[in-house]
C-alpha atoms as a PDB file:
ATOM      1  CA  MET A   1     -41.706 157.762 149.117  1.00  0.00           C
ATOM      2  CA  SER A   2     -45.361 157.207 148.919  1.00  0.00           C
ATOM      3  CA  ASN A   3     -46.530 154.449 147.417  1.00  0.00           C
ATOM      4  CA  THR A   4     -45.476 154.050 144.192  1.00  0.00           C
ATOM      5  CA  LYS A   5     -47.484 151.434 142.675  1.00  0.00           C
ATOM      6  CA  ARG A   6     -48.315 153.174 139.225  1.00  0.00           C
ATOM      7  CA  ASP A   7     -51.686 152.371 138.517  1.00  0.00           C
ATOM      8  CA  SER A   8     -53.438 152.071 141.852  1.00  0.00           C
ATOM      9  CA  ASN A   9     -55.023 153.794 144.281  1.00  0.00           C
ATOM     10  CA  GLY A  10     -54.600 156.772 141.797  1.00  0.00           C
ATOM     11  CA  TYR A  11     -51.160 157.557 142.085  1.00  0.00           C
ATOM     12  CA  THR A  12     -50.173 159.938 139.269  1.00  0.00           C
ATOM     13  CA  PRO A  13     -46.772 160.728 137.526  1.00  0.00           C
ATOM     14  CA  LEU A  14     -47.135 163.986 138.906  1.00  0.00           C
ATOM     15  CA  ASP A  15     -47.676 162.768 142.752  1.00  0.00           C
ATOM     16  CA  TYR A  16     -44.648 160.487 141.820  1.00  0.00           C
ATOM     17  CA  ASP A  17     -42.507 164.364 140.526  1.00  0.00           C
ATOM     18  CA  ALA A  18     -43.249 165.847 143.451  1.00  0.00           C
ATOM     19  CA  ASP A  19     -43.040 163.138 145.736  1.00  0.00           C
ATOM     20  CA  CYS A  20     -39.238 162.429 144.543  1.00  0.00           C
ATOM     21  CA  GLU A  21     -38.310 166.410 144.883  1.00  0.00           C
ATOM     22  CA  SER A  22     -39.519 166.447 148.206  1.00  0.00           C
ATOM     23  CA  ASP A  23     -37.311 162.734 149.542  1.00  0.00           C
ATOM     24  CA  GLU A  24     -33.732 163.719 150.488  1.00  0.00           C
ATOM     25  CA  VAL A  25     -32.396 160.040 149.530  1.00  0.00           C
ATOM     26  CA  TYR A  26     -33.318 160.461 146.451  1.00  0.00           C
ATOM     27  CA  GLN A  27     -32.382 163.491 145.906  1.00  0.00           C
ATOM     28  CA  ARG A  28     -29.145 162.750 146.955  1.00  0.00           C
ATOM     29  CA  CYS A  29     -28.898 159.460 145.328  1.00  0.00           C
ATOM     30  CA  LEU A  30     -29.972 161.290 141.805  1.00  0.00           C
ATOM     31  CA  SER A  31     -27.298 163.818 142.308  1.00  0.00           C
ATOM     32  CA  ALA A  32     -24.879 160.941 143.154  1.00  0.00           C
ATOM     33  CA  LEU A  33     -25.598 159.117 140.053  1.00  0.00           C
ATOM     34  CA  LEU A  34     -24.959 162.562 138.097  1.00  0.00           C
ATOM     35  CA  THR A  35     -21.884 163.196 139.791  1.00  0.00           C
ATOM     36  CA  HIS A  36     -20.488 159.675 139.650  1.00  0.00           C
ATOM     37  CA  ALA A  37     -22.158 158.169 136.436  1.00  0.00           C
ATOM     38  CA  PRO A  38     -19.285 158.061 133.349  1.00  0.00           C
ATOM     39  CA  ILE A  39     -20.691 159.904 130.912  1.00  0.00           C
ATOM     40  CA  GLU A  40     -19.150 161.252 127.988  1.00  0.00           C
ATOM     41  CA  ARG A  41     -20.820 164.107 125.391  1.00  0.00           C
ATOM     42  CA  ASP A  42     -20.842 161.956 122.659  1.00  0.00           C
ATOM     43  CA  ASP A  43     -22.397 158.945 124.728  1.00  0.00           C
ATOM     44  CA  THR A  44     -25.965 156.889 124.190  1.00  0.00           C
ATOM     45  CA  VAL A  45     -27.424 156.451 128.093  1.00  0.00           C
ATOM     46  CA  VAL A  46     -30.316 153.986 128.608  1.00  0.00           C
ATOM     47  CA  ASP A  47     -32.193 154.978 131.607  1.00  0.00           C
ATOM     48  CA  ILE A  48     -34.101 152.164 132.293  1.00  0.00           C
ATOM     49  CA  GLY A  49     -37.419 152.269 134.271  1.00  0.00           C
ATOM     50  CA  THR A  50     -37.283 155.918 133.897  1.00  0.00           C
ATOM     51  CA  GLY A  51     -41.229 156.529 134.758  1.00  0.00           C
ATOM     52  CA  THR A  52     -41.667 160.381 134.703  1.00  0.00           C
ATOM     53  CA  GLY A  53     -38.330 160.588 132.790  1.00  0.00           C
ATOM     54  CA  ILE A  54     -36.803 162.797 135.675  1.00  0.00           C
ATOM     55  CA  VAL A  55     -32.805 160.757 135.416  1.00  0.00           C
ATOM     56  CA  ALA A  56     -33.438 160.731 131.526  1.00  0.00           C
ATOM     57  CA  LEU A  57     -34.011 164.309 131.465  1.00  0.00           C
ATOM     58  CA  GLU A  58     -31.258 165.549 133.467  1.00  0.00           C
ATOM     59  CA  LEU A  59     -28.992 163.515 131.655  1.00  0.00           C
ATOM     60  CA  ALA A  60     -30.200 165.213 128.639  1.00  0.00           C
ATOM     61  CA  SER A  61     -27.117 168.178 128.673  1.00  0.00           C
ATOM     62  CA  LYS A  62     -24.223 165.058 129.481  1.00  0.00           C
ATOM     63  CA  CYS A  63     -24.896 163.739 126.317  1.00  0.00           C
ATOM     64  CA  ASP A  64     -25.562 162.369 122.792  1.00  0.00           C
ATOM     65  CA  HIS A  65     -28.801 161.104 123.265  1.00  0.00           C
ATOM     66  CA  VAL A  66     -30.879 159.403 125.915  1.00  0.00           C
ATOM     67  CA  ILE A  67     -32.947 156.693 125.997  1.00  0.00           C
ATOM     68  CA  GLY A  68     -35.934 155.925 128.510  1.00  0.00           C
ATOM     69  CA  ARG A  69     -37.746 153.154 128.951  1.00  0.00           C
ATOM     70  CA  ASP A  70     -40.554 152.004 131.352  1.00  0.00           C
ATOM     71  CA  ILE A  71     -43.284 149.942 131.680  1.00  0.00           C
ATOM     72  CA  TYR A  72     -46.004 152.163 131.632  1.00  0.00           C
ATOM     73  CA  ASP A  73     -47.494 154.166 129.019  1.00  0.00           C
ATOM     74  CA  ASP A  74     -49.172 156.777 130.478  1.00  0.00           C
ATOM     75  CA  TRP A  75     -45.972 157.490 132.693  1.00  0.00           C
ATOM     76  CA  LEU A  76     -43.733 157.521 129.234  1.00  0.00           C
ATOM     77  CA  ARG A  77     -46.504 159.849 127.797  1.00  0.00           C
ATOM     78  CA  TYR A  78     -46.059 162.303 130.356  1.00  0.00           C
ATOM     79  CA  ALA A  79     -42.192 161.873 130.093  1.00  0.00           C
ATOM     80  CA  ARG A  80     -42.758 163.073 126.644  1.00  0.00           C
ATOM     81  CA  GLU A  81     -45.115 165.398 127.203  1.00  0.00           C
ATOM     82  CA  LYS A  82     -42.474 167.102 130.066  1.00  0.00           C
ATOM     83  CA  ALA A  83     -39.971 167.265 127.766  1.00  0.00           C
ATOM     84  CA  ALA A  84     -42.064 168.892 124.896  1.00  0.00           C
ATOM     85  CA  ARG A  85     -42.083 171.597 127.579  1.00  0.00           C
ATOM     86  CA  ARG A  86     -38.873 171.792 128.682  1.00  0.00           C
ATOM     87  CA  GLY A  87     -37.910 171.680 124.454  1.00  0.00           C
ATOM     88  CA  ILE A  88     -35.410 168.674 125.136  1.00  0.00           C
ATOM     89  CA  GLU A  89     -34.705 167.203 122.217  1.00  0.00           C
ATOM     90  CA  ASN A  90     -32.117 164.780 122.455  1.00  0.00           C
ATOM     91  CA  VAL A  91     -34.013 162.264 124.770  1.00  0.00           C
ATOM     92  CA  SER A  92     -36.294 159.674 123.180  1.00  0.00           C
ATOM     93  CA  PHE A  93     -39.556 157.515 125.572  1.00  0.00           C
ATOM     94  CA  ASP A  94     -40.539 154.272 124.882  1.00  0.00           C
ATOM     95  CA  HIS A  95     -42.065 151.044 126.308  1.00  0.00           C
ATOM     96  CA  GLY A  96     -39.018 148.517 127.715  1.00  0.00           C
ATOM     97  CA  SER A  97     -38.381 146.674 130.412  1.00  0.00           C
ATOM     98  CA  PHE A  98     -35.214 144.919 132.535  1.00  0.00           C
ATOM     99  CA  ARG A  99     -35.304 142.160 130.636  1.00  0.00           C
ATOM    100  CA  LYS A 100     -36.120 143.448 127.436  1.00  0.00           C
ATOM    101  CA  PRO A 101     -35.086 146.996 127.056  1.00  0.00           C
ATOM    102  CA  ASN A 102     -35.918 147.685 123.189  1.00  0.00           C
ATOM    103  CA  VAL A 103     -32.996 149.430 122.844  1.00  0.00           C
ATOM    104  CA  SER A 104     -31.661 148.334 119.067  1.00  0.00           C
ATOM    105  CA  GLU A 105     -28.849 151.466 118.770  1.00  0.00           C
ATOM    106  CA  PRO A 106     -25.482 150.937 120.499  1.00  0.00           C
ATOM    107  CA  VAL A 107     -25.215 152.257 124.173  1.00  0.00           C
ATOM    108  CA  ASP A 108     -22.314 153.487 126.193  1.00  0.00           C
ATOM    109  CA  VAL A 109     -24.275 153.664 129.420  1.00  0.00           C
ATOM    110  CA  VAL A 110     -27.070 152.205 131.025  1.00  0.00           C
ATOM    111  CA  VAL A 111     -29.000 153.676 134.484  1.00  0.00           C
ATOM    112  CA  ALA A 112     -31.209 152.878 137.000  1.00  0.00           C
ATOM    113  CA  CYS A 113     -32.182 154.936 138.982  1.00  0.00           C
ATOM    114  CA  TYR A 114     -35.177 153.467 142.197  1.00  0.00           C
ATOM    115  CA  ALA A 115     -36.060 151.044 139.282  1.00  0.00           C
ATOM    116  CA  LEU A 116     -33.637 147.931 139.861  1.00  0.00           C
ATOM    117  CA  TYR A 117     -34.564 147.316 143.588  1.00  0.00           C
ATOM    118  CA  MET A 118     -38.470 146.290 141.990  1.00  0.00           C
ATOM    119  CA  ALA A 119     -37.271 143.125 140.432  1.00  0.00           C
ATOM    120  CA  TYR A 120     -35.956 141.512 143.332  1.00  0.00           C
ATOM    121  CA  ASP A 121     -38.612 142.974 145.421  1.00  0.00           C
ATOM    122  CA  GLU A 122     -41.392 141.157 143.060  1.00  0.00           C
ATOM    123  CA  GLY A 123     -38.979 137.720 142.754  1.00  0.00           C
ATOM    124  CA  GLY A 124     -35.716 137.958 144.571  1.00  0.00           C
ATOM    125  CA  GLU A 125     -32.344 136.995 143.218  1.00  0.00           C
ATOM    126  CA  ASP A 126     -33.160 135.219 140.334  1.00  0.00           C
ATOM    127  CA  GLU A 127     -35.335 137.864 139.301  1.00  0.00           C
ATOM    128  CA  LEU A 128     -32.833 140.538 139.795  1.00  0.00           C
ATOM    129  CA  ARG A 129     -30.480 138.316 138.260  1.00  0.00           C
ATOM    130  CA  ALA A 130     -32.716 137.843 134.662  1.00  0.00           C
ATOM    131  CA  ALA A 131     -33.124 141.922 135.137  1.00  0.00           C
ATOM    132  CA  ILE A 132     -29.105 142.757 135.724  1.00  0.00           C
ATOM    133  CA  ASP A 133     -28.072 140.310 132.578  1.00  0.00           C
ATOM    134  CA  GLY A 134     -31.040 142.066 130.447  1.00  0.00           C
ATOM    135  CA  LEU A 135     -29.435 145.091 130.928  1.00  0.00           C
ATOM    136  CA  ALA A 136     -26.354 143.622 130.447  1.00  0.00           C
ATOM    137  CA  GLY A 137     -27.332 142.697 126.776  1.00  0.00           C
ATOM    138  CA  VAL A 138     -27.350 145.759 124.962  1.00  0.00           C
ATOM    139  CA  ASN A 139     -23.862 145.838 125.185  1.00  0.00           C
ATOM    140  CA  PRO A 140     -22.718 149.043 127.469  1.00  0.00           C
ATOM    141  CA  ARG A 141     -19.684 149.798 128.774  1.00  0.00           C
ATOM    142  CA  CYS A 142     -21.088 150.759 132.013  1.00  0.00           C
ATOM    143  CA  MET A 143     -24.400 150.652 133.983  1.00  0.00           C
ATOM    144  CA  VAL A 144     -24.672 153.143 136.434  1.00  0.00           C
ATOM    145  CA  VAL A 145     -27.597 151.661 139.880  1.00  0.00           C
ATOM    146  CA  ALA A 146     -28.520 154.737 141.931  1.00  0.00           C
ATOM    147  CA  ASP A 147     -30.809 152.795 144.267  1.00  0.00           C
ATOM    148  CA  LYS A 148     -32.706 151.031 147.400  1.00  0.00           C
ATOM    149  CA  MET A 149     -30.020 148.328 148.777  1.00  0.00           C
ATOM    150  CA  HIS A 150     -29.291 147.376 151.962  1.00  0.00           C
ATOM    151  CA  PHE A 151     -25.372 148.880 152.853  1.00  0.00           C
ATOM    152  CA  GLY A 152     -25.668 147.718 156.103  1.00  0.00           C
ATOM    153  CA  PRO A 153     -27.048 144.501 157.881  1.00  0.00           C
ATOM    154  CA  ALA A 154     -29.652 142.397 156.633  1.00  0.00           C
ATOM    155  CA  GLN A 155     -33.059 143.809 157.873  1.00  0.00           C
ATOM    156  CA  THR A 156     -36.374 141.868 158.548  1.00  0.00           C
ATOM    157  CA  PRO A 157     -38.500 142.149 155.016  1.00  0.00           C
ATOM    158  CA  THR A 158     -41.946 144.613 155.640  1.00  0.00           C
ATOM    159  CA  ASP A 159     -44.711 143.974 154.270  1.00  0.00           C
ATOM    160  CA  TYR A 160     -43.823 147.820 151.586  1.00  0.00           C
ATOM    161  CA  GLU A 161     -40.805 145.989 150.116  1.00  0.00           C
ATOM    162  CA  THR A 162     -37.743 143.753 150.283  1.00  0.00           C
ATOM    163  CA  LEU A 163     -34.294 144.939 149.483  1.00  0.00           C
ATOM    164  CA  PRO A 164     -31.279 143.307 147.977  1.00  0.00           C
ATOM    165  CA  SER A 165     -27.927 143.640 149.545  1.00  0.00           C
ATOM    166  CA  MET A 166     -25.082 145.524 148.016  1.00  0.00           C
ATOM    167  CA  GLY A 167     -22.977 142.764 147.684  1.00  0.00           C
ATOM    168  CA  THR A 168     -26.265 141.076 146.197  1.00  0.00           C
ATOM    169  CA  VAL A 169     -25.869 143.254 143.622  1.00  0.00           C
ATOM    170  CA  ALA A 170     -22.508 143.674 142.863  1.00  0.00           C
ATOM    171  CA  THR A 171     -22.026 139.966 142.727  1.00  0.00           C
ATOM    172  CA  LEU A 172     -24.399 140.085 140.186  1.00  0.00           C
ATOM    173  CA  LEU A 173     -23.665 142.910 138.020  1.00  0.00           C
ATOM    174  CA  ALA A 174     -20.105 140.821 137.890  1.00  0.00           C
ATOM    175  CA  GLY A 175     -21.692 137.395 136.801  1.00  0.00           C
ATOM    176  CA  ALA A 176     -23.088 139.787 133.924  1.00  0.00           C
ATOM    177  CA  GLY A 177     -19.282 140.799 133.052  1.00  0.00           C
ATOM    178  CA  PHE A 178     -19.066 144.406 134.841  1.00  0.00           C
ATOM    179  CA  THR A 179     -16.271 145.259 137.859  1.00  0.00           C
ATOM    180  CA  LEU A 180     -17.359 147.864 140.431  1.00  0.00           C
ATOM    181  CA  THR A 181     -15.400 150.721 140.395  1.00  0.00           C
ATOM    182  CA  ASP A 182     -17.145 152.984 142.275  1.00  0.00           C
ATOM    183  CA  VAL A 183     -19.897 152.901 145.866  1.00  0.00           C
ATOM    184  CA  GLU A 184     -21.534 155.410 146.410  1.00  0.00           C
ATOM    185  CA  ILE A 185     -23.043 154.778 150.021  1.00  0.00           C
ATOM    186  CA  ILE A 186     -25.967 157.481 151.113  1.00  0.00           C
ATOM    187  CA  THR A 187     -27.556 155.400 153.932  1.00  0.00           C
ATOM    188  CA  GLU A 188     -27.492 151.914 155.072  1.00  0.00           C
ATOM    189  CA  SER A 189     -30.558 150.945 152.652  1.00  0.00           C
ATOM    190  CA  ALA A 190     -29.483 154.029 149.500  1.00  0.00           C
ATOM    191  CA  GLY A 191     -26.913 154.206 147.639  1.00  0.00           C
ATOM    192  CA  VAL A 192     -24.528 154.296 144.005  1.00  0.00           C
ATOM    193  CA  LEU A 193     -22.905 151.572 142.479  1.00  0.00           C
ATOM    194  CA  VAL A 194     -20.845 152.008 139.214  1.00  0.00           C
ATOM    195  CA  ALA A 195     -19.779 148.749 137.046  1.00  0.00           C
ATOM    196  CA  THR A 196     -17.703 148.839 133.990  1.00  0.00           C
ATOM    197  CA  ARG A 197     -16.839 146.516 131.581  1.00  0.00           C
END
């Protein structure tokens, strides 16, 4: 996928949608998330790091309400417009972060698709722990992480991004009170983890 720094180099939400649509690994992660996430019809789901709302809009038909949260207002505006164009009314988008999701209603499931790895890239294991703890604070019964992480041997960090190992993510989910119940390896550096309480 192209550089996804959202406010630099003229990269727009439209560019991101096009990149996601053409990225085979992203599409496989999204498909696995949709297949493995234990979402029930009356659930409220938080899509953290929602970006342009790709995942939130896909989940809308599977549950009662999807709450999309992101830190970039322009992208949230774009996600709202996309939902309106598609006539999807059970999705709401607002500002929120891993540490402070900005959710006051009861939540059943939290999903993070191609978002959580950014916490690790920015601040290592401590930042990833704080992100997972922040999300656990909304008290979901389940967290689904469809993301970039190493499923094979650790690799040397690149200038572009540093990824956590699957073991690190699983250990931090366990530390937040979750038990890993499903793993779908997409590639050596991407996959889906389902963790429940």
